[in-house]
Amino acid sequence: MTIKRFIAGAVCPSCGVQDSVRVFQKKGRDVRECVDCGFSDEVQEKPALVGELPETRISHGDEDKLENVTEDQIVQVVRILDS
């Protein structure tokens, strides 16, 4: 008996519907399929990173910017006022 698991938050690469992708094993390989559009493919064991990483608050290469930052610039005290 094949156990099929839904992957929470996964988006189908074909139709773009969220929470419709499930994963199961077929002949020892992981397969993902979409229950909405029927898309199916084999999951790679070690997928290659394609393209550039998205820009984030903590991106690589920001180490140079943090060398001259003092603790006062990093830590901020927040006071909550009663209304």
PDB file of N, CA and C in Angstrom:
ATOM      1  N   MET A   1       0.845  -1.186   0.000  1.00  0.00           N
ATOM      2  CA  MET A   1       0.000   0.000   0.000  1.00  0.00           C
ATOM      3  C   MET A   1       0.886   1.244   0.000  1.00  0.00           C
ATOM      4  N   THR A   2       0.613   2.159  -0.892  1.00  0.00           N
ATOM      5  CA  THR A   2       1.387   3.389  -1.003  1.00  0.00           C
ATOM      6  C   THR A   2       0.783   4.461  -0.109  1.00  0.00           C
ATOM      7  N   ILE A   3       1.626   5.058   0.740  1.00  0.00           N
ATOM      8  CA  ILE A   3       1.179   6.151   1.603  1.00  0.00           C
ATOM      9  C   ILE A   3       1.468   7.458   0.895  1.00  0.00           C
ATOM     10  N   LYS A   4       0.431   8.266   0.679  1.00  0.00           N
ATOM     11  CA  LYS A   4       0.571   9.563   0.021  1.00  0.00           C
ATOM     12  C   LYS A   4       0.360  10.653   1.065  1.00  0.00           C
ATOM     13  N   ARG A   5       1.364  11.566   1.167  1.00  0.00           N
ATOM     14  CA  ARG A   5       1.324  12.628   2.177  1.00  0.00           C
ATOM     15  C   ARG A   5       1.170  13.977   1.492  1.00  0.00           C
ATOM     16  N   PHE A   6       0.267  14.814   1.980  1.00  0.00           N
ATOM     17  CA  PHE A   6       0.155  16.183   1.490  1.00  0.00           C
ATOM     18  C   PHE A   6       1.242  17.020   2.153  1.00  0.00           C
ATOM     19  N   ILE A   7       1.819  17.940   1.403  1.00  0.00           N
ATOM     20  CA  ILE A   7       2.871  18.816   1.893  1.00  0.00           C
ATOM     21  C   ILE A   7       2.244  20.177   2.177  1.00  0.00           C
ATOM     22  N   ALA A   8       2.169  20.551   3.451  1.00  0.00           N
ATOM     23  CA  ALA A   8       1.535  21.809   3.854  1.00  0.00           C
ATOM     24  C   ALA A   8       2.276  23.001   3.261  1.00  0.00           C
ATOM     25  N   GLY A   9       1.543  23.877   2.611  1.00  0.00           N
ATOM     26  CA  GLY A   9       2.108  25.106   2.070  1.00  0.00           C
ATOM     27  C   GLY A   9       2.770  24.955   0.715  1.00  0.00           C
ATOM     28  N   ALA A  10       2.872  23.727   0.202  1.00  0.00           N
ATOM     29  CA  ALA A  10       3.518  23.519  -1.103  1.00  0.00           C
ATOM     30  C   ALA A  10       2.623  24.049  -2.221  1.00  0.00           C
ATOM     31  N   VAL A  11       3.258  24.624  -3.231  1.00  0.00           N
ATOM     32  CA  VAL A  11       2.548  25.185  -4.380  1.00  0.00           C
ATOM     33  C   VAL A  11       2.896  24.353  -5.606  1.00  0.00           C
ATOM     34  N   CYS A  12       1.881  23.984  -6.379  1.00  0.00           N
ATOM     35  CA  CYS A  12       2.098  23.204  -7.588  1.00  0.00           C
ATOM     36  C   CYS A  12       2.858  24.049  -8.607  1.00  0.00           C
ATOM     37  N   PRO A  13       3.970  23.532  -9.162  1.00  0.00           N
ATOM     38  CA  PRO A  13       4.730  24.299 -10.145  1.00  0.00           C
ATOM     39  C   PRO A  13       3.996  24.461 -11.474  1.00  0.00           C
ATOM     40  N   SER A  14       2.958  23.678 -11.703  1.00  0.00           N
ATOM     41  CA  SER A  14       2.234  23.747 -12.966  1.00  0.00           C
ATOM     42  C   SER A  14       1.037  24.702 -12.899  1.00  0.00           C
ATOM     43  N   CYS A  15       0.140  24.483 -11.924  1.00  0.00           N
ATOM     44  CA  CYS A  15      -1.079  25.305 -11.861  1.00  0.00           C
ATOM     45  C   CYS A  15      -1.014  26.394 -10.805  1.00  0.00           C
ATOM     46  N   GLY A  16      -0.065  26.312  -9.856  1.00  0.00           N
ATOM     47  CA  GLY A  16       0.105  27.353  -8.851  1.00  0.00           C
ATOM     48  C   GLY A  16      -0.841  27.267  -7.665  1.00  0.00           C
ATOM     49  N   VAL A  17      -1.588  26.179  -7.546  1.00  0.00           N
ATOM     50  CA  VAL A  17      -2.518  26.016  -6.429  1.00  0.00           C
ATOM     51  C   VAL A  17      -1.750  25.559  -5.199  1.00  0.00           C
ATOM     52  N   GLN A  18      -2.020  26.227  -4.067  1.00  0.00           N
ATOM     53  CA  GLN A  18      -1.341  25.883  -2.818  1.00  0.00           C
ATOM     54  C   GLN A  18      -2.073  24.753  -2.114  1.00  0.00           C
ATOM     55  N   ASP A  19      -1.335  23.938  -1.374  1.00  0.00           N
ATOM     56  CA  ASP A  19      -1.852  22.817  -0.581  1.00  0.00           C
ATOM     57  C   ASP A  19      -2.547  21.745  -1.424  1.00  0.00           C
ATOM     58  N   SER A  20      -2.083  21.541  -2.650  1.00  0.00           N
ATOM     59  CA  SER A  20      -2.660  20.485  -3.481  1.00  0.00           C
ATOM     60  C   SER A  20      -1.609  19.451  -3.894  1.00  0.00           C
ATOM     61  N   VAL A  21      -0.393  19.576  -3.354  1.00  0.00           N
ATOM     62  CA  VAL A  21       0.706  18.689  -3.737  1.00  0.00           C
ATOM     63  C   VAL A  21       0.871  17.590  -2.694  1.00  0.00           C
ATOM     64  N   ARG A  22       0.971  16.370  -3.173  1.00  0.00           N
ATOM     65  CA  ARG A  22       1.234  15.254  -2.276  1.00  0.00           C
ATOM     66  C   ARG A  22       2.457  14.501  -2.774  1.00  0.00           C
ATOM     67  N   VAL A  23       3.133  13.807  -1.850  1.00  0.00           N
ATOM     68  CA  VAL A  23       4.364  13.089  -2.145  1.00  0.00           C
ATOM     69  C   VAL A  23       4.186  11.630  -1.737  1.00  0.00           C
ATOM     70  N   PHE A  24       4.728  10.744  -2.562  1.00  0.00           N
ATOM     71  CA  PHE A  24       4.689   9.314  -2.248  1.00  0.00           C
ATOM     72  C   PHE A  24       5.878   8.643  -2.906  1.00  0.00           C
ATOM     73  N   GLN A  25       6.134   7.394  -2.531  1.00  0.00           N
ATOM     74  CA  GLN A  25       7.254   6.645  -3.104  1.00  0.00           C
ATOM     75  C   GLN A  25       6.745   5.670  -4.158  1.00  0.00           C
ATOM     76  N   LYS A  26       7.476   5.642  -5.277  1.00  0.00           N
ATOM     77  CA  LYS A  26       7.154   4.729  -6.370  1.00  0.00           C
ATOM     78  C   LYS A  26       8.469   4.114  -6.829  1.00  0.00           C
ATOM     79  N   LYS A  27       8.620   2.822  -6.649  1.00  0.00           N
ATOM     80  CA  LYS A  27       9.853   2.105  -6.999  1.00  0.00           C
ATOM     81  C   LYS A  27      11.070   2.698  -6.288  1.00  0.00           C
ATOM     82  N   GLY A  28      10.898   3.082  -5.026  1.00  0.00           N
ATOM     83  CA  GLY A  28      12.001   3.607  -4.221  1.00  0.00           C
ATOM     84  C   GLY A  28      12.353   5.055  -4.484  1.00  0.00           C
ATOM     85  N   ARG A  29      11.641   5.729  -5.349  1.00  0.00           N
ATOM     86  CA  ARG A  29      11.904   7.135  -5.665  1.00  0.00           C
ATOM     87  C   ARG A  29      10.738   7.986  -5.173  1.00  0.00           C
ATOM     88  N   ASP A  30      11.025   9.207  -4.708  1.00  0.00           N
ATOM     89  CA  ASP A  30       9.970  10.124  -4.271  1.00  0.00           C
ATOM     90  C   ASP A  30       9.328  10.783  -5.486  1.00  0.00           C
ATOM     91  N   VAL A  31       8.011  10.793  -5.515  1.00  0.00           N
ATOM     92  CA  VAL A  31       7.238  11.390  -6.599  1.00  0.00           C
ATOM     93  C   VAL A  31       6.291  12.408  -5.979  1.00  0.00           C
ATOM     94  N   ARG A  32       6.156  13.574  -6.630  1.00  0.00           N
ATOM     95  CA  ARG A  32       5.167  14.545  -6.177  1.00  0.00           C
ATOM     96  C   ARG A  32       4.121  14.699  -7.264  1.00  0.00           C
ATOM     97  N   GLU A  33       2.878  14.905  -6.836  1.00  0.00           N
ATOM     98  CA  GLU A  33       1.814  15.098  -7.811  1.00  0.00           C
ATOM     99  C   GLU A  33       0.789  16.082  -7.263  1.00  0.00           C
ATOM    100  N   CYS A  34       0.124  16.766  -8.183  1.00  0.00           N
ATOM    101  CA  CYS A  34      -0.898  17.742  -7.827  1.00  0.00           C
ATOM    102  C   CYS A  34      -2.262  17.089  -7.994  1.00  0.00           C
ATOM    103  N   VAL A  35      -3.105  17.195  -6.980  1.00  0.00           N
ATOM    104  CA  VAL A  35      -4.434  16.596  -7.066  1.00  0.00           C
ATOM    105  C   VAL A  35      -5.394  17.473  -7.859  1.00  0.00           C
ATOM    106  N   ASP A  36      -5.039  18.745  -8.109  1.00  0.00           N
ATOM    107  CA  ASP A  36      -5.906  19.642  -8.888  1.00  0.00           C
ATOM    108  C   ASP A  36      -5.717  19.474 -10.388  1.00  0.00           C
ATOM    109  N   CYS A  37      -4.466  19.547 -10.858  1.00  0.00           N
ATOM    110  CA  CYS A  37      -4.234  19.532 -12.309  1.00  0.00           C
ATOM    111  C   CYS A  37      -3.635  18.223 -12.819  1.00  0.00           C
ATOM    112  N   GLY A  38      -3.194  17.337 -11.909  1.00  0.00           N
ATOM    113  CA  GLY A  38      -2.638  16.060 -12.335  1.00  0.00           C
ATOM    114  C   GLY A  38      -1.150  16.090 -12.628  1.00  0.00           C
ATOM    115  N   PHE A  39      -0.487  17.247 -12.433  1.00  0.00           N
ATOM    116  CA  PHE A  39       0.955  17.352 -12.644  1.00  0.00           C
ATOM    117  C   PHE A  39       1.675  16.328 -11.774  1.00  0.00           C
ATOM    118  N   SER A  40       2.721  15.708 -12.320  1.00  0.00           N
ATOM    119  CA  SER A  40       3.482  14.721 -11.572  1.00  0.00           C
ATOM    120  C   SER A  40       4.922  14.738 -12.051  1.00  0.00           C
ATOM    121  N   ASP A  41       5.862  14.629 -11.125  1.00  0.00           N
ATOM    122  CA  ASP A  41       7.270  14.483 -11.489  1.00  0.00           C
ATOM    123  C   ASP A  41       8.015  13.806 -10.356  1.00  0.00           C
ATOM    124  N   GLU A  42       9.246  13.407 -10.657  1.00  0.00           N
ATOM    125  CA  GLU A  42      10.087  12.737  -9.680  1.00  0.00           C
ATOM    126  C   GLU A  42      10.909  13.785  -8.937  1.00  0.00           C
ATOM    127  N   VAL A  43      10.955  13.689  -7.626  1.00  0.00           N
ATOM    128  CA  VAL A  43      11.698  14.631  -6.802  1.00  0.00           C
ATOM    129  C   VAL A  43      13.176  14.266  -6.850  1.00  0.00           C
ATOM    130  N   GLN A  44      14.022  15.261  -7.134  1.00  0.00           N
ATOM    131  CA  GLN A  44      15.462  15.021  -7.181  1.00  0.00           C
ATOM    132  C   GLN A  44      16.005  14.863  -5.771  1.00  0.00           C
ATOM    133  N   GLU A  45      16.996  13.981  -5.618  1.00  0.00           N
ATOM    134  CA  GLU A  45      17.602  13.788  -4.297  1.00  0.00           C
ATOM    135  C   GLU A  45      18.345  15.019  -3.834  1.00  0.00           C
ATOM    136  N   LYS A  46      19.165  15.587  -4.701  1.00  0.00           N
ATOM    137  CA  LYS A  46      19.920  16.793  -4.384  1.00  0.00           C
ATOM    138  C   LYS A  46      19.673  17.811  -5.492  1.00  0.00           C
ATOM    139  N   PRO A  47      18.603  18.612  -5.373  1.00  0.00           N
ATOM    140  CA  PRO A  47      18.297  19.564  -6.438  1.00  0.00           C
ATOM    141  C   PRO A  47      19.361  20.654  -6.540  1.00  0.00           C
ATOM    142  N   ALA A  48      19.625  21.088  -7.760  1.00  0.00           N
ATOM    143  CA  ALA A  48      20.599  22.143  -8.004  1.00  0.00           C
ATOM    144  C   ALA A  48      19.935  23.493  -7.783  1.00  0.00           C
ATOM    145  N   LEU A  49      20.672  24.429  -7.210  1.00  0.00           N
ATOM    146  CA  LEU A  49      20.161  25.775  -6.986  1.00  0.00           C
ATOM    147  C   LEU A  49      20.261  26.542  -8.290  1.00  0.00           C
ATOM    148  N   VAL A  50      19.143  27.009  -8.799  1.00  0.00           N
ATOM    149  CA  VAL A  50      19.107  27.727 -10.062  1.00  0.00           C
ATOM    150  C   VAL A  50      18.775  29.186  -9.793  1.00  0.00           C
ATOM    151  N   GLY A  51      19.500  30.088 -10.426  1.00  0.00           N
ATOM    152  CA  GLY A  51      19.226  31.507 -10.256  1.00  0.00           C
ATOM    153  C   GLY A  51      19.913  32.068  -9.028  1.00  0.00           C
ATOM    154  N   GLU A  52      19.578  33.311  -8.721  1.00  0.00           N
ATOM    155  CA  GLU A  52      20.179  33.989  -7.576  1.00  0.00           C
ATOM    156  C   GLU A  52      19.260  33.906  -6.370  1.00  0.00           C
ATOM    157  N   LEU A  53      19.864  33.993  -5.203  1.00  0.00           N
ATOM    158  CA  LEU A  53      19.078  33.999  -3.984  1.00  0.00           C
ATOM    159  C   LEU A  53      18.313  35.322  -3.875  1.00  0.00           C
ATOM    160  N   PRO A  54      17.111  35.309  -3.306  1.00  0.00           N
ATOM    161  CA  PRO A  54      16.369  36.558  -3.147  1.00  0.00           C
ATOM    162  C   PRO A  54      17.025  37.465  -2.112  1.00  0.00           C
ATOM    163  N   GLU A  55      16.845  38.754  -2.246  1.00  0.00           N
ATOM    164  CA  GLU A  55      17.384  39.732  -1.305  1.00  0.00           C
ATOM    165  C   GLU A  55      16.578  39.655  -0.008  1.00  0.00           C
ATOM    166  N   THR A  56      17.264  39.537   1.112  1.00  0.00           N
ATOM    167  CA  THR A  56      16.603  39.451   2.415  1.00  0.00           C
ATOM    168  C   THR A  56      17.188  40.477   3.364  1.00  0.00           C
ATOM    169  N   ARG A  57      16.611  40.556   4.570  1.00  0.00           N
ATOM    170  CA  ARG A  57      17.153  41.470   5.575  1.00  0.00           C
ATOM    171  C   ARG A  57      18.580  41.086   5.942  1.00  0.00           C
ATOM    172  N   ILE A  58      18.845  39.807   5.949  1.00  0.00           N
ATOM    173  CA  ILE A  58      20.176  39.321   6.311  1.00  0.00           C
ATOM    174  C   ILE A  58      20.737  38.594   5.101  1.00  0.00           C
ATOM    175  N   SER A  59      21.285  39.351   4.179  1.00  0.00           N
ATOM    176  CA  SER A  59      21.834  38.771   2.953  1.00  0.00           C
ATOM    177  C   SER A  59      23.316  38.506   3.111  1.00  0.00           C
ATOM    178  N   HIS A  60      23.815  37.584   2.318  1.00  0.00           N
ATOM    179  CA  HIS A  60      25.250  37.324   2.305  1.00  0.00           C
ATOM    180  C   HIS A  60      25.962  38.548   1.768  1.00  0.00           C
ATOM    181  N   GLY A  61      27.131  38.833   2.281  1.00  0.00           N
ATOM    182  CA  GLY A  61      27.879  39.997   1.837  1.00  0.00           C
ATOM    183  C   GLY A  61      27.663  41.204   2.726  1.00  0.00           C
ATOM    184  N   ASP A  62      26.770  41.110   3.709  1.00  0.00           N
ATOM    185  CA  ASP A  62      26.516  42.221   4.620  1.00  0.00           C
ATOM    186  C   ASP A  62      27.479  42.237   5.797  1.00  0.00           C
ATOM    187  N   GLU A  63      28.401  41.277   5.859  1.00  0.00           N
ATOM    188  CA  GLU A  63      29.324  41.194   6.988  1.00  0.00           C
ATOM    189  C   GLU A  63      30.182  42.451   7.095  1.00  0.00           C
ATOM    190  N   ASP A  64      30.572  43.034   5.953  1.00  0.00           N
ATOM    191  CA  ASP A  64      31.407  44.233   5.959  1.00  0.00           C
ATOM    192  C   ASP A  64      30.670  45.409   6.600  1.00  0.00           C
ATOM    193  N   LYS A  65      29.371  45.477   6.408  1.00  0.00           N
ATOM    194  CA  LYS A  65      28.580  46.578   6.962  1.00  0.00           C
ATOM    195  C   LYS A  65      28.476  46.482   8.479  1.00  0.00           C
ATOM    196  N   LEU A  66      28.549  45.274   9.032  1.00  0.00           N
ATOM    197  CA  LEU A  66      28.352  45.075  10.465  1.00  0.00           C
ATOM    198  C   LEU A  66      29.627  45.251  11.282  1.00  0.00           C
ATOM    199  N   GLU A  67      30.774  45.388  10.640  1.00  0.00           N
ATOM    200  CA  GLU A  67      32.031  45.488  11.384  1.00  0.00           C
ATOM    201  C   GLU A  67      32.105  46.742  12.238  1.00  0.00           C
ATOM    202  N   ASN A  68      31.604  47.871  11.769  1.00  0.00           N
ATOM    203  CA  ASN A  68      31.715  49.146  12.472  1.00  0.00           C
ATOM    204  C   ASN A  68      30.436  49.535  13.211  1.00  0.00           C
ATOM    205  N   VAL A  69      29.537  48.590  13.440  1.00  0.00           N
ATOM    206  CA  VAL A  69      28.278  48.877  14.119  1.00  0.00           C
ATOM    207  C   VAL A  69      28.467  48.699  15.621  1.00  0.00           C
ATOM    208  N   THR A  70      28.011  49.694  16.394  1.00  0.00           N
ATOM    209  CA  THR A  70      28.111  49.609  17.850  1.00  0.00           C
ATOM    210  C   THR A  70      26.869  48.923  18.411  1.00  0.00           C
ATOM    211  N   GLU A  71      26.945  48.518  19.661  1.00  0.00           N
ATOM    212  CA  GLU A  71      25.811  47.835  20.290  1.00  0.00           C
ATOM    213  C   GLU A  71      24.601  48.760  20.395  1.00  0.00           C
ATOM    214  N   ASP A  72      24.819  50.065  20.581  1.00  0.00           N
ATOM    215  CA  ASP A  72      23.713  51.018  20.662  1.00  0.00           C
ATOM    216  C   ASP A  72      22.923  51.077  19.361  1.00  0.00           C
ATOM    217  N   GLN A  73      23.571  50.824  18.258  1.00  0.00           N
ATOM    218  CA  GLN A  73      22.892  50.858  16.971  1.00  0.00           C
ATOM    219  C   GLN A  73      22.090  49.584  16.712  1.00  0.00           C
ATOM    220  N   ILE A  74      22.439  48.504  17.381  1.00  0.00           N
ATOM    221  CA  ILE A  74      21.742  47.235  17.173  1.00  0.00           C
ATOM    222  C   ILE A  74      20.569  47.090  18.137  1.00  0.00           C
ATOM    223  N   VAL A  75      20.781  47.384  19.431  1.00  0.00           N
ATOM    224  CA  VAL A  75      19.769  47.182  20.449  1.00  0.00           C
ATOM    225  C   VAL A  75      18.954  48.464  20.601  1.00  0.00           C
ATOM    226  N   GLN A  76      17.639  48.337  20.545  1.00  0.00           N
ATOM    227  CA  GLN A  76      16.741  49.468  20.738  1.00  0.00           C
ATOM    228  C   GLN A  76      15.743  49.114  21.826  1.00  0.00           C
ATOM    229  N   VAL A  77      15.551  50.007  22.762  1.00  0.00           N
ATOM    230  CA  VAL A  77      14.602  49.798  23.842  1.00  0.00           C
ATOM    231  C   VAL A  77      13.242  50.334  23.381  1.00  0.00           C
ATOM    232  N   VAL A  78      12.211  49.536  23.594  1.00  0.00           N
ATOM    233  CA  VAL A  78      10.854  49.936  23.199  1.00  0.00           C
ATOM    234  C   VAL A  78      10.018  50.010  24.453  1.00  0.00           C
ATOM    235  N   ARG A  79       9.322  51.146  24.639  1.00  0.00           N
ATOM    236  CA  ARG A  79       8.424  51.303  25.776  1.00  0.00           C
ATOM    237  C   ARG A  79       6.994  51.262  25.276  1.00  0.00           C
ATOM    238  N   ILE A  80       6.161  50.465  25.942  1.00  0.00           N
ATOM    239  CA  ILE A  80       4.750  50.393  25.596  1.00  0.00           C
ATOM    240  C   ILE A  80       3.987  51.327  26.518  1.00  0.00           C
ATOM    241  N   LEU A  81       3.257  52.257  25.955  1.00  0.00           N
ATOM    242  CA  LEU A  81       2.523  53.259  26.710  1.00  0.00           C
ATOM    243  C   LEU A  81       1.084  52.805  26.911  1.00  0.00           C
ATOM    244  N   ASP A  82       0.545  53.098  28.115  1.00  0.00           N
ATOM    245  CA  ASP A  82      -0.877  52.815  28.360  1.00  0.00           C
ATOM    246  C   ASP A  82      -1.732  53.808  27.588  1.00  0.00           C
ATOM    247  N   SER A  83      -2.871  53.337  27.098  1.00  0.00           N
ATOM    248  CA  SER A  83      -3.752  54.239  26.361  1.00  0.00           C
ATOM    249  C   SER A  83      -4.814  54.868  27.216  1.00  0.00           C
TER     250      SER A  83
END
